[in-house]
Amino acid sequence: MTPQKWPAAYKVTLKSPERADGVISAVEGLDGVSGIVDQREVLRQVFGIMTVLKYGSWIGSGLLLFAALLQVANTIRLAALARRREIGIMRLVGASTLYIALPFLLEALVTAIIGVGPAAGALAAFQVLGVERGMAERVTFLPWVDWGDYGEALIGVFPPGIVILGPALTLIPTLLLTRKYVKV
């Protein structure tokens, strides 16, 4: 390549930005290099905000998960308290703990399946109104989520989607807590 064909500015993207200081010091004094622009300082604040938002979303998700578990536990406790007479009769006739807990599990499963519907609908509405008709039309230089990402959020295996996570977050605590609250 001749000097006439070389571009006026040349952009280098490193695989590991932590090694930028070594590259800058090696290239800085070479002939034809008038200056080096290190964009790490310019973008440091943006990446800091993104890091805070990422960890904040994890903390918020953890708090919401804890609140959901407390709500399920309270619901099971109240349902067992309301049905204590029926549970006592079932105990007297020799019913096992699993047999007594089965109506609670079925009720939790139906509630979870019904709850997944509005969650999937809200996610689809946000995909259509917020992404496709909203931001994707105005901001074209960013790759936006598409319907494949929607399907992965809905039915994903790892991390689990809301179709798997919703019933699991209801059935597992129900199974564990009915053992505690159905004893008469």
N, C-alpha and C. Protein backbone atom coordinates (compact mmCIF):
# COMPACT_ATOMS: atom_id res chain seq x y z
N MET A 1 0.85 -1.17 0.00
CA MET A 1 0.00 0.00 0.00
C MET A 1 0.90 1.24 0.00
N THR A 2 0.60 2.15 -0.84
CA THR A 2 1.41 3.37 -0.94
C THR A 2 0.84 4.43 0.00
N PRO A 3 1.66 5.42 0.36
CA PRO A 3 1.16 6.49 1.25
C PRO A 3 -0.01 7.26 0.66
N GLN A 4 -0.12 7.34 -0.67
CA GLN A 4 -1.22 8.07 -1.28
C GLN A 4 -2.55 7.32 -1.11
N LYS A 5 -2.49 5.99 -1.06
CA LYS A 5 -3.71 5.19 -0.92
C LYS A 5 -4.15 5.03 0.54
N TRP A 6 -3.27 5.37 1.46
CA TRP A 6 -3.59 5.23 2.89
C TRP A 6 -4.63 6.28 3.29
N PRO A 7 -5.66 5.90 4.06
CA PRO A 7 -6.69 6.88 4.44
C PRO A 7 -6.13 7.94 5.39
N ALA A 8 -6.80 9.09 5.43
CA ALA A 8 -6.35 10.19 6.28
C ALA A 8 -6.49 9.83 7.76
N ALA A 9 -7.50 9.07 8.07
CA ALA A 9 -7.69 8.62 9.46
C ALA A 9 -7.87 7.11 9.43
N TYR A 10 -7.31 6.46 10.43
CA TYR A 10 -7.38 5.01 10.50
C TYR A 10 -7.91 4.64 11.87
N LYS A 11 -8.95 3.81 11.89
CA LYS A 11 -9.60 3.44 13.15
C LYS A 11 -9.16 2.03 13.53
N VAL A 12 -8.75 1.87 14.79
CA VAL A 12 -8.34 0.57 15.31
C VAL A 12 -9.25 0.24 16.49
N THR A 13 -9.86 -0.93 16.45
CA THR A 13 -10.69 -1.41 17.54
C THR A 13 -9.98 -2.61 18.16
N LEU A 14 -9.68 -2.50 19.45
CA LEU A 14 -8.94 -3.56 20.13
C LEU A 14 -9.90 -4.59 20.71
N LYS A 15 -9.45 -5.85 20.76
CA LYS A 15 -10.26 -6.89 21.38
C LYS A 15 -10.34 -6.69 22.88
N SER A 16 -9.25 -6.27 23.50
CA SER A 16 -9.27 -5.97 24.93
C SER A 16 -8.81 -4.52 25.13
N PRO A 17 -9.73 -3.63 25.44
CA PRO A 17 -9.38 -2.22 25.59
C PRO A 17 -8.41 -1.95 26.73
N GLU A 18 -8.22 -2.89 27.64
CA GLU A 18 -7.28 -2.70 28.74
C GLU A 18 -5.84 -2.60 28.23
N ARG A 19 -5.58 -3.13 27.06
CA ARG A 19 -4.23 -3.11 26.50
C ARG A 19 -3.98 -1.89 25.61
N ALA A 20 -4.87 -0.93 25.62
CA ALA A 20 -4.77 0.23 24.74
C ALA A 20 -3.54 1.07 25.04
N ASP A 21 -3.15 1.17 26.30
CA ASP A 21 -2.00 2.01 26.65
C ASP A 21 -0.73 1.53 25.96
N GLY A 22 -0.53 0.21 25.87
CA GLY A 22 0.64 -0.34 25.19
C GLY A 22 0.63 -0.05 23.70
N VAL A 23 -0.53 -0.15 23.08
CA VAL A 23 -0.65 0.13 21.65
C VAL A 23 -0.43 1.62 21.39
N ILE A 24 -1.00 2.46 22.24
CA ILE A 24 -0.84 3.91 22.07
C ILE A 24 0.62 4.30 22.19
N SER A 25 1.33 3.78 23.19
CA SER A 25 2.74 4.13 23.36
C SER A 25 3.60 3.59 22.22
N ALA A 26 3.21 2.47 21.62
CA ALA A 26 3.99 1.90 20.52
C ALA A 26 3.78 2.66 19.22
N VAL A 27 2.62 3.23 19.01
CA VAL A 27 2.28 3.86 17.74
C VAL A 27 2.50 5.38 17.79
N GLU A 28 2.53 5.95 18.96
CA GLU A 28 2.51 7.40 19.12
C GLU A 28 3.68 8.12 18.43
N GLY A 29 4.84 7.60 18.48
CA GLY A 29 5.99 8.29 17.92
C GLY A 29 6.32 7.92 16.49
N LEU A 30 5.54 7.10 15.84
CA LEU A 30 5.84 6.67 14.47
C LEU A 30 5.64 7.79 13.46
N ASP A 31 6.36 7.69 12.33
CA ASP A 31 6.22 8.68 11.25
C ASP A 31 4.82 8.59 10.66
N GLY A 32 4.21 9.72 10.40
CA GLY A 32 2.88 9.77 9.80
C GLY A 32 1.76 9.76 10.80
N VAL A 33 2.06 9.57 12.09
CA VAL A 33 1.03 9.57 13.13
C VAL A 33 1.01 10.96 13.74
N SER A 34 -0.05 11.71 13.44
CA SER A 34 -0.12 13.08 13.97
C SER A 34 -0.79 13.13 15.33
N GLY A 35 -1.67 12.19 15.60
CA GLY A 35 -2.36 12.18 16.89
C GLY A 35 -3.17 10.92 17.07
N ILE A 36 -3.43 10.60 18.32
CA ILE A 36 -4.22 9.42 18.67
C ILE A 36 -5.38 9.88 19.54
N VAL A 37 -6.58 9.46 19.19
CA VAL A 37 -7.77 9.80 19.96
C VAL A 37 -8.19 8.54 20.71
N ASP A 38 -8.11 8.62 22.02
CA ASP A 38 -8.51 7.51 22.89
C ASP A 38 -9.93 7.80 23.36
N GLN A 39 -10.89 7.05 22.88
CA GLN A 39 -12.29 7.32 23.19
C GLN A 39 -12.75 6.68 24.49
N ARG A 40 -11.85 6.02 25.20
CA ARG A 40 -12.25 5.43 26.47
C ARG A 40 -12.67 6.50 27.48
N GLU A 41 -11.96 7.60 27.50
CA GLU A 41 -12.30 8.68 28.43
C GLU A 41 -13.65 9.30 28.08
N VAL A 42 -13.93 9.42 26.79
CA VAL A 42 -15.19 10.01 26.36
C VAL A 42 -16.36 9.10 26.74
N LEU A 43 -16.17 7.79 26.59
CA LEU A 43 -17.26 6.83 26.83
C LEU A 43 -17.28 6.25 28.24
N ARG A 44 -16.34 6.61 29.08
CA ARG A 44 -16.27 6.04 30.43
C ARG A 44 -17.55 6.31 31.22
N GLN A 45 -18.08 7.53 31.12
CA GLN A 45 -19.29 7.87 31.85
C GLN A 45 -20.49 7.08 31.33
N VAL A 46 -20.58 6.90 30.02
CA VAL A 46 -21.68 6.13 29.44
C VAL A 46 -21.62 4.68 29.91
N PHE A 47 -20.43 4.09 29.88
CA PHE A 47 -20.29 2.71 30.34
C PHE A 47 -20.54 2.60 31.84
N GLY A 48 -20.18 3.62 32.60
CA GLY A 48 -20.47 3.62 34.03
C GLY A 48 -21.96 3.62 34.30
N ILE A 49 -22.70 4.44 33.55
CA ILE A 49 -24.16 4.49 33.70
C ILE A 49 -24.77 3.14 33.31
N MET A 50 -24.26 2.53 32.24
CA MET A 50 -24.78 1.23 31.81
C MET A 50 -24.51 0.16 32.87
N THR A 51 -23.36 0.22 33.52
CA THR A 51 -23.04 -0.75 34.57
C THR A 51 -23.97 -0.57 35.76
N VAL A 52 -24.21 0.67 36.16
CA VAL A 52 -25.11 0.94 37.27
C VAL A 52 -26.52 0.45 36.93
N LEU A 53 -26.98 0.71 35.72
CA LEU A 53 -28.31 0.25 35.31
C LEU A 53 -28.40 -1.27 35.29
N LYS A 54 -27.32 -1.93 34.85
CA LYS A 54 -27.33 -3.40 34.80
C LYS A 54 -27.46 -3.99 36.20
N TYR A 55 -26.62 -3.52 37.12
CA TYR A 55 -26.69 -4.06 38.47
C TYR A 55 -27.96 -3.62 39.20
N GLY A 56 -28.44 -2.43 38.88
CA GLY A 56 -29.71 -1.99 39.45
C GLY A 56 -30.87 -2.84 39.00
N SER A 57 -30.85 -3.26 37.74
CA SER A 57 -31.92 -4.14 37.25
C SER A 57 -31.85 -5.51 37.91
N TRP A 58 -30.63 -6.01 38.17
CA TRP A 58 -30.51 -7.29 38.88
C TRP A 58 -31.04 -7.18 40.31
N ILE A 59 -30.72 -6.08 40.98
CA ILE A 59 -31.21 -5.88 42.35
C ILE A 59 -32.73 -5.75 42.34
N GLY A 60 -33.26 -4.97 41.40
CA GLY A 60 -34.72 -4.83 41.30
C GLY A 60 -35.40 -6.14 41.00
N SER A 61 -34.81 -6.94 40.13
CA SER A 61 -35.38 -8.26 39.82
C SER A 61 -35.36 -9.17 41.04
N GLY A 62 -34.28 -9.11 41.79
CA GLY A 62 -34.20 -9.92 43.01
C GLY A 62 -35.24 -9.52 44.03
N LEU A 63 -35.45 -8.20 44.18
CA LEU A 63 -36.47 -7.73 45.13
C LEU A 63 -37.87 -8.13 44.67
N LEU A 64 -38.13 -8.05 43.36
CA LEU A 64 -39.44 -8.47 42.86
C LEU A 64 -39.65 -9.97 43.01
N LEU A 65 -38.59 -10.75 42.82
CA LEU A 65 -38.68 -12.20 43.02
C LEU A 65 -38.98 -12.52 44.47
N PHE A 66 -38.30 -11.83 45.38
CA PHE A 66 -38.55 -12.03 46.81
C PHE A 66 -39.98 -11.65 47.17
N ALA A 67 -40.47 -10.54 46.62
CA ALA A 67 -41.85 -10.12 46.88
C ALA A 67 -42.85 -11.13 46.35
N ALA A 68 -42.56 -11.70 45.17
CA ALA A 68 -43.45 -12.72 44.61
C ALA A 68 -43.49 -13.97 45.48
N LEU A 69 -42.33 -14.37 46.00
CA LEU A 69 -42.29 -15.53 46.89
C LEU A 69 -43.05 -15.27 48.18
N LEU A 70 -42.91 -14.07 48.73
CA LEU A 70 -43.67 -13.72 49.94
C LEU A 70 -45.17 -13.71 49.66
N GLN A 71 -45.56 -13.24 48.49
CA GLN A 71 -46.98 -13.22 48.14
C GLN A 71 -47.53 -14.64 48.00
N VAL A 72 -46.78 -15.51 47.37
CA VAL A 72 -47.22 -16.90 47.23
C VAL A 72 -47.31 -17.55 48.61
N ALA A 73 -46.32 -17.30 49.46
CA ALA A 73 -46.34 -17.88 50.81
C ALA A 73 -47.54 -17.39 51.59
N ASN A 74 -47.84 -16.12 51.51
CA ASN A 74 -48.99 -15.57 52.23
C ASN A 74 -50.30 -16.12 51.68
N THR A 75 -50.39 -16.27 50.38
CA THR A 75 -51.60 -16.81 49.76
C THR A 75 -51.83 -18.26 50.19
N ILE A 76 -50.77 -19.05 50.22
CA ILE A 76 -50.90 -20.45 50.64
C ILE A 76 -51.32 -20.52 52.11
N ARG A 77 -50.71 -19.68 52.93
CA ARG A 77 -51.04 -19.68 54.36
C ARG A 77 -52.51 -19.32 54.56
N LEU A 78 -52.99 -18.29 53.86
CA LEU A 78 -54.39 -17.89 54.00
C LEU A 78 -55.35 -18.94 53.45
N ALA A 79 -54.98 -19.56 52.34
CA ALA A 79 -55.84 -20.62 51.77
C ALA A 79 -55.90 -21.82 52.70
N ALA A 80 -54.78 -22.18 53.30
CA ALA A 80 -54.78 -23.31 54.24
C ALA A 80 -55.57 -22.96 55.49
N LEU A 81 -55.48 -21.73 55.93
CA LEU A 81 -56.25 -21.30 57.10
C LEU A 81 -57.75 -21.32 56.80
N ALA A 82 -58.13 -20.90 55.59
CA ALA A 82 -59.54 -20.88 55.22
C ALA A 82 -60.09 -22.30 55.05
N ARG A 83 -59.23 -23.23 54.69
CA ARG A 83 -59.68 -24.62 54.47
C ARG A 83 -59.25 -25.55 55.60
N ARG A 84 -58.99 -25.03 56.77
CA ARG A 84 -58.48 -25.88 57.85
C ARG A 84 -59.46 -26.95 58.27
N ARG A 85 -60.75 -26.68 58.17
CA ARG A 85 -61.73 -27.70 58.54
C ARG A 85 -61.70 -28.86 57.56
N GLU A 86 -61.63 -28.54 56.24
CA GLU A 86 -61.56 -29.59 55.23
C GLU A 86 -60.25 -30.37 55.34
N ILE A 87 -59.17 -29.66 55.64
CA ILE A 87 -57.88 -30.33 55.79
C ILE A 87 -57.92 -31.26 57.00
N GLY A 88 -58.55 -30.83 58.07
CA GLY A 88 -58.68 -31.68 59.26
C GLY A 88 -59.48 -32.94 58.96
N ILE A 89 -60.55 -32.82 58.20
CA ILE A 89 -61.36 -33.98 57.84
C ILE A 89 -60.55 -34.93 56.96
N MET A 90 -59.79 -34.36 56.00
CA MET A 90 -58.96 -35.20 55.13
C MET A 90 -57.90 -35.93 55.96
N ARG A 91 -57.34 -35.27 56.96
CA ARG A 91 -56.35 -35.92 57.83
C ARG A 91 -56.99 -37.07 58.61
N LEU A 92 -58.22 -36.84 59.09
CA LEU A 92 -58.90 -37.86 59.88
C LEU A 92 -59.20 -39.12 59.06
N VAL A 93 -59.45 -38.97 57.77
CA VAL A 93 -59.73 -40.14 56.95
C VAL A 93 -58.45 -40.76 56.38
N GLY A 94 -57.27 -40.19 56.73
CA GLY A 94 -56.00 -40.80 56.36
C GLY A 94 -55.38 -40.30 55.07
N ALA A 95 -55.72 -39.11 54.64
CA ALA A 95 -55.14 -38.58 53.41
C ALA A 95 -53.68 -38.19 53.64
N SER A 96 -52.87 -38.43 52.62
CA SER A 96 -51.45 -38.06 52.71
C SER A 96 -51.28 -36.56 52.52
N THR A 97 -50.10 -36.07 52.86
CA THR A 97 -49.81 -34.64 52.71
C THR A 97 -49.86 -34.22 51.24
N LEU A 98 -49.36 -35.06 50.36
CA LEU A 98 -49.39 -34.75 48.93
C LEU A 98 -50.83 -34.70 48.42
N TYR A 99 -51.67 -35.61 48.87
CA TYR A 99 -53.06 -35.63 48.45
C TYR A 99 -53.79 -34.38 48.93
N ILE A 100 -53.45 -33.92 50.13
CA ILE A 100 -54.06 -32.69 50.65
C ILE A 100 -53.53 -31.47 49.90
N ALA A 101 -52.26 -31.52 49.52
CA ALA A 101 -51.64 -30.38 48.85
C ALA A 101 -52.02 -30.29 47.37
N LEU A 102 -52.54 -31.35 46.79
CA LEU A 102 -52.85 -31.35 45.36
C LEU A 102 -53.82 -30.25 44.93
N PRO A 103 -54.91 -29.99 45.66
CA PRO A 103 -55.78 -28.87 45.25
C PRO A 103 -55.06 -27.51 45.27
N PHE A 104 -54.17 -27.32 46.22
CA PHE A 104 -53.39 -26.08 46.27
C PHE A 104 -52.48 -25.97 45.05
N LEU A 105 -51.85 -27.08 44.67
CA LEU A 105 -50.96 -27.09 43.51
C LEU A 105 -51.72 -26.82 42.22
N LEU A 106 -52.89 -27.44 42.07
CA LEU A 106 -53.68 -27.22 40.86
C LEU A 106 -54.17 -25.78 40.78
N GLU A 107 -54.58 -25.24 41.91
CA GLU A 107 -55.02 -23.85 41.94
C GLU A 107 -53.86 -22.91 41.57
N ALA A 108 -52.68 -23.19 42.09
CA ALA A 108 -51.51 -22.37 41.77
C ALA A 108 -51.13 -22.50 40.30
N LEU A 109 -51.23 -23.70 39.74
CA LEU A 109 -50.91 -23.90 38.34
C LEU A 109 -51.87 -23.15 37.42
N VAL A 110 -53.15 -23.23 37.70
CA VAL A 110 -54.14 -22.51 36.88
C VAL A 110 -53.91 -21.01 36.98
N THR A 111 -53.65 -20.52 38.19
CA THR A 111 -53.40 -19.09 38.37
C THR A 111 -52.14 -18.66 37.61
N ALA A 112 -51.10 -19.46 37.65
CA ALA A 112 -49.85 -19.12 36.95
C ALA A 112 -50.05 -19.12 35.44
N ILE A 113 -50.78 -20.09 34.93
CA ILE A 113 -51.02 -20.15 33.48
C ILE A 113 -51.86 -18.96 33.03
N ILE A 114 -52.86 -18.60 33.83
CA ILE A 114 -53.67 -17.42 33.50
C ILE A 114 -52.81 -16.15 33.59
N GLY A 115 -51.88 -16.10 34.52
CA GLY A 115 -51.01 -14.93 34.67
C GLY A 115 -49.99 -14.77 33.57
N VAL A 116 -49.60 -15.86 32.93
CA VAL A 116 -48.63 -15.78 31.83
C VAL A 116 -49.24 -15.09 30.62
N GLY A 117 -50.53 -15.25 30.40
CA GLY A 117 -51.20 -14.64 29.25
C GLY A 117 -51.06 -13.12 29.21
N PRO A 118 -51.46 -12.41 30.27
CA PRO A 118 -51.29 -10.95 30.24
C PRO A 118 -49.82 -10.51 30.17
N ALA A 119 -48.92 -11.28 30.76
CA ALA A 119 -47.50 -10.93 30.68
C ALA A 119 -47.00 -11.05 29.24
N ALA A 120 -47.40 -12.12 28.55
CA ALA A 120 -47.01 -12.28 27.15
C ALA A 120 -47.64 -11.20 26.28
N GLY A 121 -48.90 -10.86 26.57
CA GLY A 121 -49.57 -9.80 25.81
C GLY A 121 -48.92 -8.44 26.02
N ALA A 122 -48.54 -8.14 27.26
CA ALA A 122 -47.88 -6.86 27.54
C ALA A 122 -46.53 -6.79 26.85
N LEU A 123 -45.81 -7.91 26.84
CA LEU A 123 -44.51 -7.95 26.16
C LEU A 123 -44.68 -7.77 24.65
N ALA A 124 -45.70 -8.38 24.08
CA ALA A 124 -45.97 -8.22 22.64
C ALA A 124 -46.39 -6.79 22.33
N ALA A 125 -47.21 -6.19 23.19
CA ALA A 125 -47.62 -4.81 22.96
C ALA A 125 -46.43 -3.87 23.03
N PHE A 126 -45.52 -4.10 23.95
CA PHE A 126 -44.31 -3.27 24.03
C PHE A 126 -43.44 -3.47 22.79
N GLN A 127 -43.38 -4.71 22.29
CA GLN A 127 -42.59 -4.98 21.08
C GLN A 127 -43.16 -4.20 19.89
N VAL A 128 -44.48 -4.23 19.75
CA VAL A 128 -45.10 -3.55 18.61
C VAL A 128 -45.07 -2.03 18.79
N LEU A 129 -45.59 -1.55 19.91
CA LEU A 129 -45.76 -0.11 20.09
C LEU A 129 -44.46 0.59 20.49
N GLY A 130 -43.70 -0.02 21.37
CA GLY A 130 -42.50 0.65 21.85
C GLY A 130 -41.30 0.50 20.96
N VAL A 131 -41.12 -0.68 20.39
CA VAL A 131 -39.92 -0.93 19.59
C VAL A 131 -40.19 -0.69 18.11
N GLU A 132 -41.13 -1.44 17.53
CA GLU A 132 -41.32 -1.37 16.08
C GLU A 132 -41.90 -0.03 15.62
N ARG A 133 -42.94 0.45 16.27
CA ARG A 133 -43.56 1.71 15.86
C ARG A 133 -42.94 2.91 16.58
N GLY A 134 -42.21 2.66 17.61
CA GLY A 134 -41.65 3.75 18.39
C GLY A 134 -40.21 4.03 18.04
N MET A 135 -39.31 3.33 18.69
CA MET A 135 -37.89 3.64 18.59
C MET A 135 -37.24 3.15 17.29
N ALA A 136 -37.63 2.02 16.78
CA ALA A 136 -36.96 1.46 15.60
C ALA A 136 -37.16 2.33 14.37
N GLU A 137 -38.28 3.05 14.28
CA GLU A 137 -38.50 3.94 13.15
C GLU A 137 -37.67 5.22 13.25
N ARG A 138 -37.41 5.66 14.49
CA ARG A 138 -36.70 6.92 14.69
C ARG A 138 -35.19 6.74 14.79
N VAL A 139 -34.77 5.67 15.42
CA VAL A 139 -33.33 5.42 15.62
C VAL A 139 -32.97 4.20 14.78
N THR A 140 -32.34 4.44 13.66
CA THR A 140 -32.06 3.36 12.72
C THR A 140 -30.64 2.82 12.81
N PHE A 141 -29.76 3.47 13.57
CA PHE A 141 -28.38 3.03 13.62
C PHE A 141 -28.13 1.97 14.68
N LEU A 142 -29.16 1.63 15.49
CA LEU A 142 -29.02 0.61 16.53
C LEU A 142 -29.78 -0.65 16.13
N PRO A 143 -29.24 -1.81 16.44
CA PRO A 143 -30.02 -3.03 16.21
C PRO A 143 -31.05 -3.21 17.34
N TRP A 144 -32.30 -3.34 16.97
CA TRP A 144 -33.36 -3.47 17.96
C TRP A 144 -33.77 -4.92 18.10
N VAL A 145 -34.47 -5.24 19.18
CA VAL A 145 -34.96 -6.59 19.38
C VAL A 145 -36.06 -6.87 18.36
N ASP A 146 -36.20 -8.15 18.00
CA ASP A 146 -37.20 -8.51 17.02
C ASP A 146 -38.09 -9.61 17.63
N TRP A 147 -38.93 -10.20 16.78
CA TRP A 147 -39.88 -11.20 17.26
C TRP A 147 -39.18 -12.48 17.69
N GLY A 148 -38.00 -12.76 17.16
CA GLY A 148 -37.23 -13.91 17.65
C GLY A 148 -36.81 -13.73 19.10
N ASP A 149 -36.42 -12.50 19.44
CA ASP A 149 -36.08 -12.19 20.83
C ASP A 149 -37.31 -12.27 21.72
N TYR A 150 -38.46 -11.86 21.18
CA TYR A 150 -39.71 -11.98 21.93
C TYR A 150 -40.01 -13.44 22.24
N GLY A 151 -39.86 -14.30 21.23
CA GLY A 151 -40.09 -15.73 21.45
C GLY A 151 -39.12 -16.32 22.46
N GLU A 152 -37.88 -15.86 22.42
CA GLU A 152 -36.89 -16.35 23.39
C GLU A 152 -37.23 -15.88 24.80
N ALA A 153 -37.74 -14.65 24.95
CA ALA A 153 -38.15 -14.16 26.26
C ALA A 153 -39.38 -14.89 26.75
N LEU A 154 -40.20 -15.34 25.83
CA LEU A 154 -41.43 -16.03 26.19
C LEU A 154 -41.18 -17.48 26.54
N ILE A 155 -40.39 -18.20 25.72
CA ILE A 155 -40.24 -19.63 25.89
C ILE A 155 -38.79 -20.04 26.10
N GLY A 156 -37.89 -19.11 26.34
CA GLY A 156 -36.48 -19.45 26.48
C GLY A 156 -36.24 -20.53 27.53
N VAL A 157 -35.20 -21.31 27.33
CA VAL A 157 -34.87 -22.38 28.27
C VAL A 157 -33.81 -21.92 29.26
N PHE A 158 -32.74 -21.32 28.78
CA PHE A 158 -31.73 -20.78 29.68
C PHE A 158 -31.28 -19.43 29.18
N PRO A 159 -31.63 -18.33 29.78
CA PRO A 159 -32.47 -18.22 30.97
C PRO A 159 -33.92 -18.54 30.62
N PRO A 160 -34.65 -19.06 31.59
CA PRO A 160 -36.02 -19.49 31.30
C PRO A 160 -36.92 -18.31 30.95
N GLY A 161 -37.84 -18.56 30.04
CA GLY A 161 -38.80 -17.54 29.64
C GLY A 161 -39.96 -17.49 30.61
N ILE A 162 -40.87 -16.55 30.37
CA ILE A 162 -41.96 -16.37 31.32
C ILE A 162 -42.96 -17.53 31.30
N VAL A 163 -42.99 -18.29 30.21
CA VAL A 163 -43.88 -19.45 30.17
C VAL A 163 -43.39 -20.53 31.13
N ILE A 164 -42.09 -20.63 31.32
CA ILE A 164 -41.51 -21.61 32.25
C ILE A 164 -41.36 -21.02 33.65
N LEU A 165 -40.90 -19.79 33.71
CA LEU A 165 -40.58 -19.16 34.98
C LEU A 165 -41.83 -18.83 35.79
N GLY A 166 -42.90 -18.41 35.14
CA GLY A 166 -44.13 -18.06 35.85
C GLY A 166 -44.71 -19.22 36.63
N PRO A 167 -45.01 -20.35 35.97
CA PRO A 167 -45.52 -21.49 36.74
C PRO A 167 -44.50 -22.05 37.74
N ALA A 168 -43.22 -22.03 37.40
CA ALA A 168 -42.21 -22.56 38.33
C ALA A 168 -42.14 -21.72 39.60
N LEU A 169 -42.22 -20.39 39.45
CA LEU A 169 -42.17 -19.53 40.63
C LEU A 169 -43.42 -19.63 41.48
N THR A 170 -44.46 -20.22 40.93
CA THR A 170 -45.67 -20.44 41.71
C THR A 170 -45.72 -21.85 42.28
N LEU A 171 -45.36 -22.85 41.47
CA LEU A 171 -45.50 -24.23 41.91
C LEU A 171 -44.47 -24.64 42.96
N ILE A 172 -43.23 -24.22 42.79
CA ILE A 172 -42.18 -24.65 43.73
C ILE A 172 -42.45 -24.14 45.14
N PRO A 173 -42.73 -22.83 45.34
CA PRO A 173 -43.05 -22.41 46.71
C PRO A 173 -44.34 -23.03 47.23
N THR A 174 -45.32 -23.23 46.34
CA THR A 174 -46.57 -23.84 46.77
C THR A 174 -46.31 -25.26 47.27
N LEU A 175 -45.50 -26.01 46.54
CA LEU A 175 -45.19 -27.37 46.96
C LEU A 175 -44.45 -27.40 48.29
N LEU A 176 -43.51 -26.48 48.45
CA LEU A 176 -42.75 -26.45 49.70
C LEU A 176 -43.58 -25.94 50.88
N LEU A 177 -44.40 -24.93 50.65
CA LEU A 177 -45.12 -24.32 51.76
C LEU A 177 -46.39 -25.06 52.15
N THR A 178 -46.98 -25.82 51.24
CA THR A 178 -48.18 -26.57 51.63
C THR A 178 -47.84 -27.64 52.65
N ARG A 179 -46.64 -28.17 52.59
CA ARG A 179 -46.23 -29.15 53.60
C ARG A 179 -46.25 -28.54 55.00
N LYS A 180 -45.89 -27.26 55.06
CA LYS A 180 -45.84 -26.59 56.36
C LYS A 180 -47.23 -26.22 56.85
N TYR A 181 -48.08 -25.71 55.96
CA TYR A 181 -49.35 -25.15 56.38
C TYR A 181 -50.53 -26.11 56.37
N VAL A 182 -50.40 -27.30 55.78
CA VAL A 182 -51.55 -28.22 55.77
C VAL A 182 -51.50 -29.19 56.94
N LYS A 183 -50.49 -29.09 57.78
CA LYS A 183 -50.46 -29.95 58.96
C LYS A 183 -51.44 -29.41 59.98
N VAL A 184 -52.35 -30.26 60.44
CA VAL A 184 -53.38 -29.83 61.39
C VAL A 184 -53.07 -30.41 62.75
